[in-house]
Amino acid sequence: MGRREEIGQMRRSYGDAGLSEADLAKDPVEQLHRWLADAAANEFIVEANAMVLSTFAQGKLTSRSVLLKDVTDAGLSFFTNYNSRKAKSMAENSQVALLFPWYAMERQVSLSGSISKLSESESDAYFATRPRGSQIGAWASAQSESLDSRKTLEEKFQEFETKFPNEVPRPPHWGGYLVTPTSFEFWQGRYSRLHDRFIYSKNNSNWEISRLNP
């Protein structure tokens, strides 16, 4: 069997555990908290807070994984380099999409919304909680720019480790973003591909829930 045929035969049967509207919280943020807790407790999920961020700018759609760092009624937050490719895309187009792919639980959550920067004080507060190595790395990496060798990167790391022997300040080019959602979709895999899908749509200040065909 060739590689194409092998890929074509890759499939699995999803379980009988379903999702009904009665199972859902009235607020999607509360529902996301519930499923995040389930994912964090699942031994087969390495990083429950990993999410795929998709942006669109200059006619190109790009996706990458980032780590969720907070969820509140205001939205979902993460942190990155403000000079990175993703940051430049978001500066051009504030509409983004996020996806949590929890395959081990046969679940996924997708959402879309607009993005904005967190305040400097919020970015400072989170940066102070990062491990020292991650703090130094934020200074050393010119994220998304060309790099001639691994050795150059490690030398930059050593340079800033020497420069900041004690407390490491937050780089001015590094900070947080807040995604303000306009829709959430919760997906639960089911048998015969009859998956359960529910979408929360924002209507003024209220969330409306509806079931979607799989």
Protein backbone atom coordinates (compact mmCIF):
# COMPACT_ATOMS: atom_id res chain seq x y z
CA MET A 1 0.00 0.00 0.00
CA GLY A 2 1.44 3.38 -1.00
CA ARG A 3 1.68 6.43 1.22
CA ARG A 4 -1.40 8.06 -0.29
CA GLU A 5 -3.47 4.94 0.34
CA GLU A 6 -2.18 4.71 3.91
CA ILE A 7 -3.22 8.30 4.61
CA GLY A 8 -6.62 7.71 3.03
CA GLN A 9 -7.23 4.79 5.39
CA MET A 10 -6.37 6.77 8.52
CA ARG A 11 -9.57 7.09 10.50
CA ARG A 12 -10.96 6.42 13.93
CA SER A 13 -14.43 5.92 15.33
CA TYR A 14 -15.48 8.53 17.83
CA GLY A 15 -17.28 7.65 21.03
CA ASP A 16 -20.86 7.57 22.20
CA ALA A 17 -20.40 10.38 24.75
CA GLY A 18 -22.36 13.26 23.31
CA LEU A 19 -23.01 16.92 23.98
CA SER A 20 -26.47 18.43 24.39
CA GLU A 21 -27.54 22.00 24.93
CA ALA A 22 -28.52 21.02 28.47
CA ASP A 23 -24.85 20.18 29.11
CA LEU A 24 -23.68 23.66 28.13
CA ALA A 25 -23.16 26.67 30.34
CA LYS A 26 -25.20 29.69 29.28
CA ASP A 27 -21.97 31.66 28.98
CA PRO A 28 -19.26 30.39 26.57
CA VAL A 29 -16.44 31.60 28.81
CA GLU A 30 -17.73 29.38 31.62
CA GLN A 31 -18.05 26.48 29.16
CA LEU A 32 -14.49 27.04 27.99
CA HIS A 33 -13.28 27.00 31.60
CA ARG A 34 -15.03 23.64 32.09
CA TRP A 35 -13.43 22.06 29.04
CA LEU A 36 -10.03 23.57 29.83
CA ALA A 37 -10.19 21.94 33.25
CA ASP A 38 -11.07 18.60 31.64
CA ALA A 39 -8.17 18.97 29.18
CA ALA A 40 -5.72 19.88 31.94
CA ALA A 41 -6.73 16.76 33.86
CA ASN A 42 -6.31 14.49 30.82
CA GLU A 43 -2.95 12.69 30.94
CA PHE A 44 -2.80 12.39 27.14
CA ILE A 45 -2.96 16.14 26.52
CA VAL A 46 0.48 17.72 26.82
CA GLU A 47 -0.47 21.41 26.90
CA ALA A 48 -4.17 22.01 27.46
CA ASN A 49 -3.73 25.75 26.98
CA ALA A 50 -2.09 25.44 23.55
CA MET A 51 -4.22 27.08 20.86
CA VAL A 52 -3.85 27.67 17.14
CA LEU A 53 -3.95 31.36 16.24
CA SER A 54 -4.88 32.26 12.64
CA THR A 55 -4.37 35.70 11.17
CA PHE A 56 -4.94 37.22 7.73
CA ALA A 57 -2.89 40.06 6.26
CA GLN A 58 -1.40 41.06 2.89
CA GLY A 59 -3.58 38.44 1.24
CA LYS A 60 -2.07 35.58 3.27
CA LEU A 61 -3.64 33.40 5.92
CA THR A 62 -1.17 32.06 8.50
CA SER A 63 -1.54 29.84 11.57
CA ARG A 64 0.69 29.02 14.51
CA SER A 65 0.38 27.71 18.06
CA VAL A 66 0.47 30.05 21.05
CA LEU A 67 -0.25 29.51 24.74
CA LEU A 68 -3.39 30.83 26.38
CA LYS A 69 -2.53 32.65 29.60
CA ASP A 70 -5.89 33.90 30.87
CA VAL A 71 -9.62 33.70 30.16
CA THR A 72 -12.02 36.28 31.57
CA ASP A 73 -15.33 37.79 30.53
CA ALA A 74 -13.24 40.34 28.60
CA GLY A 75 -11.62 37.66 26.44
CA LEU A 76 -8.61 35.39 26.01
CA SER A 77 -5.04 36.61 26.43
CA PHE A 78 -1.62 35.48 25.27
CA PHE A 79 1.87 37.03 25.01
CA THR A 80 4.39 37.34 22.21
CA ASN A 81 6.97 39.51 20.45
CA TYR A 82 5.41 42.69 19.03
CA ASN A 83 7.82 42.53 16.07
CA SER A 84 6.90 38.97 15.09
CA ARG A 85 5.11 37.97 11.92
CA LYS A 86 1.89 37.34 13.83
CA ALA A 87 2.06 40.77 15.48
CA LYS A 88 2.54 42.50 12.12
CA SER A 89 -0.45 40.60 10.73
CA MET A 90 -2.61 41.57 13.69
CA ALA A 91 -1.57 45.20 13.36
CA GLU A 92 -2.88 45.16 9.80
CA ASN A 93 -6.01 43.10 10.46
CA SER A 94 -7.44 42.82 13.97
CA GLN A 95 -9.75 39.91 13.11
CA VAL A 96 -8.36 36.56 14.30
CA ALA A 97 -9.45 32.98 14.92
CA LEU A 98 -8.41 30.56 17.67
CA LEU A 99 -8.66 26.77 17.87
CA PHE A 100 -8.14 24.39 20.80
CA PRO A 101 -7.58 20.90 19.29
CA TRP A 102 -8.09 18.44 22.15
CA TYR A 103 -7.91 15.25 20.08
CA ALA A 104 -7.47 12.95 23.06
CA MET A 105 -10.93 13.96 24.32
CA GLU A 106 -12.49 14.05 20.82
CA ARG A 107 -13.20 17.74 21.40
CA GLN A 108 -12.31 21.05 19.88
CA VAL A 109 -13.23 24.66 20.53
CA SER A 110 -12.96 27.31 17.85
CA LEU A 111 -13.68 31.00 18.18
CA SER A 112 -13.31 34.22 16.25
CA GLY A 113 -13.07 37.84 17.32
CA SER A 114 -10.98 40.98 17.35
CA ILE A 115 -7.61 41.52 18.97
CA SER A 116 -6.04 44.38 20.90
CA LYS A 117 -2.92 44.89 23.01
CA LEU A 118 -3.02 44.50 26.76
CA SER A 119 -1.83 47.41 28.88
CA GLU A 120 1.87 47.76 29.70
CA SER A 121 1.12 47.12 33.37
CA GLU A 122 -0.63 43.83 32.51
CA SER A 123 2.30 42.79 30.32
CA ASP A 124 4.78 43.77 33.06
CA ALA A 125 2.87 41.74 35.64
CA TYR A 126 2.85 38.59 33.53
CA PHE A 127 6.47 38.95 32.38
CA ALA A 128 7.59 39.06 36.02
CA THR A 129 6.10 35.57 36.55
CA ARG A 130 8.03 33.96 33.67
CA PRO A 131 11.04 31.72 34.33
CA ARG A 132 14.33 33.60 34.01
CA GLY A 133 15.32 31.64 30.91
CA SER A 134 12.12 32.65 29.15
CA GLN A 135 12.67 36.27 30.17
CA ILE A 136 16.19 36.26 28.71
CA GLY A 137 14.93 34.50 25.60
CA ALA A 138 12.45 37.33 24.96
CA TRP A 139 15.42 39.71 24.72
CA ALA A 140 17.62 37.37 22.69
CA SER A 141 15.20 36.41 19.94
CA ALA A 142 14.33 38.79 17.09
CA GLN A 143 11.30 36.62 16.45
CA SER A 144 10.44 35.77 12.81
CA GLU A 145 13.58 37.47 11.44
CA SER A 146 16.25 35.51 9.52
CA LEU A 147 18.93 33.84 11.66
CA ASP A 148 22.32 32.76 10.31
CA SER A 149 22.97 30.04 12.91
CA ARG A 150 21.93 28.53 16.22
CA LYS A 151 25.28 29.71 17.60
CA THR A 152 24.34 33.36 16.99
CA LEU A 153 21.10 32.91 18.94
CA GLU A 154 22.88 31.28 21.87
CA GLU A 155 25.47 34.06 21.90
CA LYS A 156 22.69 36.65 22.08
CA PHE A 157 21.19 34.72 24.99
CA GLN A 158 24.50 34.79 26.84
CA GLU A 159 24.88 38.50 26.09
CA PHE A 160 21.58 39.37 27.77
CA GLU A 161 22.11 36.89 30.60
CA THR A 162 25.26 38.84 31.43
CA LYS A 163 23.55 42.20 30.95
CA PHE A 164 20.76 41.32 33.40
CA PRO A 165 22.41 39.37 36.27
CA ASN A 166 19.48 39.99 38.61
CA GLU A 167 15.99 41.18 37.70
CA VAL A 168 15.13 41.03 33.99
CA PRO A 169 12.95 43.92 32.75
CA ARG A 170 10.27 43.33 30.13
CA PRO A 171 11.52 44.13 26.63
CA PRO A 172 9.58 47.01 25.05
CA HIS A 173 8.96 44.78 22.03
CA TRP A 174 7.24 42.04 24.05
CA GLY A 175 3.78 41.98 25.60
CA GLY A 176 0.24 40.71 25.67
CA TYR A 177 -2.82 40.60 23.46
CA LEU A 178 -6.50 40.19 24.25
CA VAL A 179 -8.88 38.41 21.89
CA THR A 180 -12.45 39.65 22.31
CA PRO A 181 -14.65 36.87 20.91
CA THR A 182 -17.78 37.33 18.82
CA SER A 183 -18.49 33.60 18.47
CA PHE A 184 -17.51 30.28 20.08
CA GLU A 185 -18.05 26.80 18.70
CA PHE A 186 -17.87 23.67 20.89
CA TRP A 187 -17.41 20.37 19.02
CA GLN A 188 -17.74 16.86 20.43
CA GLY A 189 -16.86 13.89 18.22
CA ARG A 190 -19.58 11.25 17.80
CA TYR A 191 -20.08 7.91 16.04
CA SER A 192 -20.66 7.76 12.25
CA ARG A 193 -19.36 11.34 12.02
CA LEU A 194 -22.62 12.57 13.56
CA HIS A 195 -20.69 15.04 15.71
CA ASP A 196 -22.31 17.41 18.17
CA ARG A 197 -21.64 21.07 17.38
CA PHE A 198 -22.95 24.12 19.21
CA ILE A 199 -22.20 27.73 18.39
CA TYR A 200 -22.50 30.72 20.72
CA SER A 201 -23.17 33.92 18.78
CA LYS A 202 -23.02 37.40 20.31
CA ASN A 203 -26.29 39.34 20.11
CA ASN A 204 -25.69 42.74 21.70
CA SER A 205 -24.64 41.80 25.24
CA ASN A 206 -26.20 38.33 25.16
CA TRP A 207 -25.00 34.96 23.86
CA GLU A 208 -27.35 32.84 21.76
CA ILE A 209 -26.75 29.08 21.43
CA SER A 210 -27.66 27.02 18.39
CA ARG A 211 -26.86 23.51 17.18
CA LEU A 212 -25.06 23.03 13.86
CA ASN A 213 -25.06 20.11 11.46
CA PRO A 214 -21.85 18.09 11.70
